[in-house]
């Protein structure tokens, strides 16, 4: 299925969606790739004392979308 993401929701991304019913679906986080760890994008990861959670999925690795 195609989801529309970005500030203006004009970027199309094709992903697999798990239908949760009631018009909701769950996808792998588009920001972190599904691992929930945002440390790989931090400019100086060696200075961190613990991994950073992804901002979009709050560290779960999953996001909800409407279908």
C-alpha atoms as a PDB file:
ATOM      1  CA  UNK A   1       0.000   0.000   0.000  1.00  0.00           C
ATOM      2  CA  UNK A   2       1.129   3.572  -0.544  1.00  0.00           C
ATOM      3  CA  UNK A   3       1.406   6.003   2.375  1.00  0.00           C
ATOM      4  CA  UNK A   4       1.972   9.723   2.006  1.00  0.00           C
ATOM      5  CA  UNK A   5       4.597  11.210   4.337  1.00  0.00           C
ATOM      6  CA  UNK A   6       6.522  14.429   4.796  1.00  0.00           C
ATOM      7  CA  UNK A   7       5.598  17.917   5.879  1.00  0.00           C
ATOM      8  CA  UNK A   8       3.047  18.392   3.083  1.00  0.00           C
ATOM      9  CA  UNK A   9       2.189  14.679   2.818  1.00  0.00           C
ATOM     10  CA  UNK A  10       3.306  14.645  -0.804  1.00  0.00           C
ATOM     11  CA  UNK A  11       6.033  11.964  -0.640  1.00  0.00           C
ATOM     12  CA  UNK A  12       4.774   8.515  -1.614  1.00  0.00           C
ATOM     13  CA  UNK A  13       6.255   5.464   0.132  1.00  0.00           C
ATOM     14  CA  UNK A  14       5.193   1.893  -0.581  1.00  0.00           C
ATOM     15  CA  UNK A  15       5.081  -0.212   2.604  1.00  0.00           C
ATOM     16  CA  UNK A  16       3.402  -3.322   3.956  1.00  0.00           C
ATOM     17  CA  UNK A  17       0.616  -2.501   6.384  1.00  0.00           C
ATOM     18  CA  UNK A  18      -0.791  -4.688   9.147  1.00  0.00           C
ATOM     19  CA  UNK A  19      -4.519  -3.959   9.266  1.00  0.00           C
ATOM     20  CA  UNK A  20      -5.595  -3.309  12.866  1.00  0.00           C
ATOM     21  CA  UNK A  21      -9.238  -2.715  11.994  1.00  0.00           C
ATOM     22  CA  UNK A  22     -11.317   0.482  12.314  1.00  0.00           C
ATOM     23  CA  UNK A  23      -9.286   2.181   9.571  1.00  0.00           C
ATOM     24  CA  UNK A  24      -5.942   1.900  11.381  1.00  0.00           C
ATOM     25  CA  UNK A  25      -2.801   0.176  10.172  1.00  0.00           C
ATOM     26  CA  UNK A  26       0.680  -0.416  11.572  1.00  0.00           C
ATOM     27  CA  UNK A  27       3.892  -0.040   9.566  1.00  0.00           C
ATOM     28  CA  UNK A  28       7.618  -0.250  10.223  1.00  0.00           C
ATOM     29  CA  UNK A  29       8.911   3.159  11.313  1.00  0.00           C
ATOM     30  CA  UNK A  30      10.001   5.159   8.286  1.00  0.00           C
ATOM     31  CA  UNK A  31      12.487   7.228  10.293  1.00  0.00           C
ATOM     32  CA  UNK A  32      14.580   4.574  12.085  1.00  0.00           C
ATOM     33  CA  UNK A  33      13.855   1.571   9.863  1.00  0.00           C
ATOM     34  CA  UNK A  34      12.116  -0.380  12.587  1.00  0.00           C
ATOM     35  CA  UNK A  35      14.834  -0.785  15.209  1.00  0.00           C
ATOM     36  CA  UNK A  36      13.703   2.134  17.396  1.00  0.00           C
ATOM     37  CA  UNK A  37      17.282   3.378  17.784  1.00  0.00           C
ATOM     38  CA  UNK A  38      18.095   6.863  16.546  1.00  0.00           C
ATOM     39  CA  UNK A  39      21.745   6.790  17.709  1.00  0.00           C
ATOM     40  CA  UNK A  40      22.992   6.097  14.171  1.00  0.00           C
ATOM     41  CA  UNK A  41      21.835   9.591  13.128  1.00  0.00           C
ATOM     42  CA  UNK A  42      23.340  11.430  16.112  1.00  0.00           C
ATOM     43  CA  UNK A  43      26.400  13.533  15.128  1.00  0.00           C
ATOM     44  CA  UNK A  44      28.603  12.176  17.954  1.00  0.00           C
ATOM     45  CA  UNK A  45      27.207   8.781  18.990  1.00  0.00           C
ATOM     46  CA  UNK A  46      30.306   7.942  21.033  1.00  0.00           C
ATOM     47  CA  UNK A  47      29.403  10.714  23.508  1.00  0.00           C
ATOM     48  CA  UNK A  48      26.046   9.137  24.406  1.00  0.00           C
ATOM     49  CA  UNK A  49      25.734   7.106  27.581  1.00  0.00           C
ATOM     50  CA  UNK A  50      22.631   5.254  26.383  1.00  0.00           C
ATOM     51  CA  UNK A  51      20.931   4.760  22.994  1.00  0.00           C
ATOM     52  CA  UNK A  52      18.593   7.473  21.743  1.00  0.00           C
ATOM     53  CA  UNK A  53      14.998   6.480  21.081  1.00  0.00           C
ATOM     54  CA  UNK A  54      13.534   7.365  17.693  1.00  0.00           C
ATOM     55  CA  UNK A  55      11.449  10.541  17.834  1.00  0.00           C
ATOM     56  CA  UNK A  56       8.752   9.357  15.401  1.00  0.00           C
ATOM     57  CA  UNK A  57       8.030   5.913  16.882  1.00  0.00           C
ATOM     58  CA  UNK A  58       9.162   6.598  20.479  1.00  0.00           C
ATOM     59  CA  UNK A  59      11.552   3.641  20.287  1.00  0.00           C
ATOM     60  CA  UNK A  60       8.943   1.028  19.343  1.00  0.00           C
ATOM     61  CA  UNK A  61       9.976   0.667  15.705  1.00  0.00           C
ATOM     62  CA  UNK A  62       6.351   0.829  14.563  1.00  0.00           C
ATOM     63  CA  UNK A  63       4.046   3.646  13.429  1.00  0.00           C
ATOM     64  CA  UNK A  64       0.285   3.893  13.048  1.00  0.00           C
ATOM     65  CA  UNK A  65      -1.286   5.068   9.790  1.00  0.00           C
ATOM     66  CA  UNK A  66      -4.843   5.478   8.619  1.00  0.00           C
ATOM     67  CA  UNK A  67      -5.944   3.194   5.814  1.00  0.00           C
END
